[in-house]
Amino acid sequence: MTIDPSKFHLINVTDTCAVWNVLSSALLYRAALAARCHFCVTGFVNYECLIKPRTSPTDASRELQRRLEEARRSGQFEVQSCSLDDLQAIGRLEGRKRLGKGELSSIAFAMSRGLAMLTDDQGARRLSAAAGNHPTQTTPHLHSWLIFTRRLDDTDHSNVIHQHKLMEGSLSRYLQDAYHLALQCARNALPTHPQ
């Protein structure tokens, strides 16, 4: 999936992996909020994030849960209920890909409301892009857009990567690629002056 760092949809239905990746860097999350991004989750994603028992929780996973609870108290990552139509769409989507209920419910909810889907799962991203007429975005795309629009700078980029790694995140390579793409697009957007 090709991303355009100059564009990002501000309202996102977020699946479980994207919740953790967005919250893995406090700097990235604060910049997204300052840019007026809004994130919501389905009840299935909320269950996966906060209720489902973990076999061996880590300090990082407990910290991410704490951050999610704090974000929820401030109005982000609101839990949205799936309608009967959404549940039927989940049933239809289940046969197409081996994805969890969190990803499927997020895709169905985003599809039915024409909202952007934020996912970092490759299978969910492909299914979301193929299943409906709604934008599909990733955390690296968000990072790229924040760099392109100068809400994050070079030092911020390094700190985002560092914070993401501390929370056991696995997107460092993709965040780095997104950073370089944003810089390239920013250079290409500069006006050229004839000599």
Protein backbone atom coordinates (compact mmCIF):
# COMPACT_ATOMS: atom_id res chain seq x y z
CA MET A 1 0.00 0.00 0.00
CA THR A 2 1.44 3.34 -1.03
CA ILE A 3 0.99 6.23 1.36
CA ASP A 4 0.72 9.93 0.64
CA PRO A 5 2.37 11.87 3.49
CA SER A 6 0.50 15.03 2.50
CA LYS A 7 -2.90 13.49 3.33
CA PHE A 8 -4.30 11.78 6.39
CA HIS A 9 -7.91 11.25 7.48
CA LEU A 10 -8.39 12.58 10.99
CA ILE A 11 -11.14 10.27 12.28
CA ASN A 12 -9.98 6.67 12.58
CA VAL A 13 -11.53 3.37 13.61
CA THR A 14 -8.50 1.75 15.22
CA ASP A 15 -7.79 -1.95 15.58
CA THR A 16 -5.84 -3.48 18.46
CA CYS A 17 -2.34 -3.40 16.96
CA ALA A 18 -2.79 0.22 15.85
CA VAL A 19 -4.00 1.23 19.33
CA TRP A 20 -0.76 -0.12 20.81
CA ASN A 21 1.42 1.40 18.08
CA VAL A 22 -0.14 4.87 18.34
CA LEU A 23 0.18 4.82 22.13
CA SER A 24 3.70 3.33 22.09
CA SER A 25 5.13 6.82 21.59
CA ALA A 26 3.75 9.57 23.81
CA LEU A 27 5.29 12.10 21.41
CA LEU A 28 3.56 10.63 18.35
CA TYR A 29 0.24 10.42 20.20
CA ARG A 30 0.42 14.03 21.48
CA ALA A 31 1.30 15.30 18.00
CA ALA A 32 -1.64 13.36 16.52
CA LEU A 33 -4.01 14.89 19.08
CA ALA A 34 -2.60 18.38 18.45
CA ALA A 35 -3.27 17.79 14.74
CA ARG A 36 -6.92 17.03 15.67
CA CYS A 37 -6.79 13.28 15.04
CA HIS A 38 -9.50 11.25 16.71
CA PHE A 39 -9.40 7.52 17.40
CA CYS A 40 -12.24 5.17 18.28
CA VAL A 41 -12.45 1.42 18.82
CA THR A 42 -15.15 -1.22 18.58
CA GLY A 43 -16.26 -3.24 21.59
CA PHE A 44 -14.28 -6.21 20.25
CA VAL A 45 -11.07 -4.14 20.17
CA ASN A 46 -11.77 -2.77 23.64
CA TYR A 47 -12.14 -6.36 24.87
CA GLU A 48 -8.85 -7.41 23.24
CA CYS A 49 -7.03 -4.40 24.68
CA LEU A 50 -8.34 -4.16 28.23
CA ILE A 51 -10.41 -7.19 29.24
CA LYS A 52 -9.05 -10.31 27.53
CA PRO A 53 -6.74 -12.17 29.94
CA ARG A 54 -3.04 -12.12 28.98
CA THR A 55 -0.95 -15.23 29.43
CA SER A 56 2.28 -13.37 30.26
CA PRO A 57 1.86 -9.60 30.51
CA THR A 58 5.01 -7.49 30.30
CA ASP A 59 5.78 -4.14 31.86
CA ALA A 60 5.36 -2.61 28.39
CA SER A 61 1.93 -4.20 27.83
CA ARG A 62 0.74 -3.03 31.26
CA GLU A 63 2.01 0.49 30.51
CA LEU A 64 0.18 0.52 27.15
CA GLN A 65 -3.04 -0.54 28.89
CA ARG A 66 -2.55 2.27 31.42
CA ARG A 67 -2.04 4.75 28.57
CA LEU A 68 -5.19 3.51 26.84
CA GLU A 69 -7.25 3.90 30.00
CA GLU A 70 -5.88 7.43 30.44
CA ALA A 71 -6.66 8.28 26.80
CA ARG A 72 -10.19 6.92 27.23
CA ARG A 73 -10.73 9.18 30.25
CA SER A 74 -9.80 12.17 28.08
CA GLY A 75 -12.26 11.23 25.32
CA GLN A 76 -10.05 9.30 22.91
CA PHE A 77 -10.45 5.68 21.82
CA GLU A 78 -14.17 5.81 22.59
CA VAL A 79 -15.87 2.43 22.35
CA GLN A 80 -18.36 2.29 19.48
CA SER A 81 -21.06 -0.35 19.33
CA CYS A 82 -21.42 -2.47 16.24
CA SER A 83 -24.87 -2.53 14.68
CA LEU A 84 -26.62 -5.66 13.44
CA ASP A 85 -25.51 -4.73 9.92
CA ASP A 86 -21.91 -4.44 11.15
CA LEU A 87 -22.15 -7.89 12.74
CA GLN A 88 -23.50 -9.35 9.50
CA ALA A 89 -20.63 -7.71 7.60
CA ILE A 90 -18.18 -9.27 10.07
CA GLY A 91 -19.69 -12.66 9.25
CA ARG A 92 -19.23 -12.05 5.53
CA LEU A 93 -15.66 -10.81 6.01
CA GLU A 94 -14.65 -13.74 8.24
CA GLY A 95 -14.65 -16.12 5.30
CA ARG A 96 -12.27 -13.95 3.30
CA LYS A 97 -9.30 -13.66 5.66
CA ARG A 98 -8.08 -15.24 8.86
CA LEU A 99 -8.37 -12.20 11.08
CA GLY A 100 -9.51 -11.67 14.64
CA LYS A 101 -12.82 -10.15 15.64
CA GLY A 102 -11.08 -6.87 16.52
CA GLU A 103 -9.79 -6.34 12.99
CA LEU A 104 -13.01 -7.56 11.37
CA SER A 105 -15.25 -5.40 13.55
CA SER A 106 -13.06 -2.35 12.87
CA ILE A 107 -13.25 -2.92 9.12
CA ALA A 108 -17.03 -3.44 9.22
CA PHE A 109 -17.59 -0.37 11.41
CA ALA A 110 -15.36 1.83 9.22
CA MET A 111 -17.04 0.52 6.05
CA SER A 112 -20.57 1.17 7.22
CA ARG A 113 -19.80 4.73 8.31
CA GLY A 114 -17.30 5.73 5.62
CA LEU A 115 -14.57 6.32 8.21
CA ALA A 116 -10.86 5.62 7.90
CA MET A 117 -9.54 2.33 9.27
CA LEU A 118 -6.21 2.52 11.11
CA THR A 119 -4.41 -0.84 11.18
CA ASP A 120 -0.85 -2.10 11.16
CA ASP A 121 -1.83 -5.69 10.40
CA GLN A 122 -1.01 -6.51 6.77
CA GLY A 123 -3.91 -8.91 6.33
CA ALA A 124 -6.39 -6.44 7.84
CA ARG A 125 -4.98 -3.65 5.70
CA ARG A 126 -5.41 -5.66 2.50
CA LEU A 127 -8.93 -6.76 3.41
CA SER A 128 -9.95 -3.25 4.48
CA ALA A 129 -8.65 -1.75 1.23
CA ALA A 130 -10.41 -4.43 -0.84
CA ALA A 131 -13.67 -4.57 1.13
CA GLY A 132 -14.98 -1.06 0.99
CA ASN A 133 -14.92 2.50 -0.16
CA HIS A 134 -13.20 3.88 2.93
CA PRO A 135 -9.58 4.93 3.56
CA THR A 136 -7.18 2.46 5.13
CA GLN A 137 -4.26 3.98 7.02
CA THR A 138 -1.33 2.86 9.17
CA THR A 139 0.66 4.22 12.09
CA PRO A 140 3.69 4.80 9.81
CA HIS A 141 1.37 6.81 7.52
CA LEU A 142 0.30 8.91 10.52
CA HIS A 143 3.97 9.42 11.43
CA SER A 144 4.82 10.39 7.84
CA TRP A 145 1.97 12.91 7.72
CA LEU A 146 3.03 14.45 11.03
CA ILE A 147 6.58 14.84 9.66
CA PHE A 148 5.36 16.22 6.32
CA THR A 149 3.10 18.78 8.00
CA ARG A 150 5.94 19.71 10.38
CA ARG A 151 4.10 18.71 13.51
CA LEU A 152 7.10 16.46 14.19
CA ASP A 153 10.72 17.32 13.32
CA ASP A 154 13.92 15.28 12.91
CA THR A 155 14.62 15.11 16.63
CA ASP A 156 11.01 14.15 17.31
CA HIS A 157 11.33 11.35 14.74
CA SER A 158 14.28 9.84 16.61
CA ASN A 159 12.40 10.11 19.90
CA VAL A 160 9.29 8.47 18.41
CA ILE A 161 11.41 5.49 17.28
CA HIS A 162 13.11 5.28 20.69
CA GLN A 163 9.80 5.43 22.60
CA HIS A 164 8.24 2.86 20.24
CA LYS A 165 11.10 0.41 20.84
CA LEU A 166 10.86 0.88 24.62
CA MET A 167 7.24 -0.30 24.42
CA GLU A 168 8.34 -3.41 22.48
CA GLY A 169 6.99 -2.02 19.20
CA SER A 170 7.94 -3.68 15.93
CA LEU A 171 7.37 -0.84 13.43
CA SER A 172 10.73 0.94 13.67
CA ARG A 173 11.75 0.04 10.12
CA TYR A 174 8.40 1.19 8.73
CA LEU A 175 8.46 4.40 10.75
CA GLN A 176 11.94 5.07 9.36
CA ASP A 177 10.75 4.42 5.78
CA ALA A 178 7.74 6.69 6.35
CA TYR A 179 10.03 9.42 7.67
CA HIS A 180 12.21 9.29 4.55
CA LEU A 181 9.13 9.31 2.31
CA ALA A 182 7.80 12.41 4.10
CA LEU A 183 11.13 14.21 3.61
CA GLN A 184 11.21 13.26 -0.07
CA CYS A 185 7.63 14.47 -0.60
CA ALA A 186 8.39 17.70 1.27
CA ARG A 187 11.41 18.31 -1.01
CA ASN A 188 9.30 17.59 -4.09
CA ALA A 189 6.66 20.05 -2.88
CA LEU A 190 9.15 22.92 -2.70
CA PRO A 191 8.78 25.46 -5.50
CA THR A 192 11.52 25.32 -8.09
CA HIS A 193 13.28 28.53 -9.03
CA PRO A 194 14.58 28.81 -12.60
CA GLN A 195 18.24 29.77 -12.81
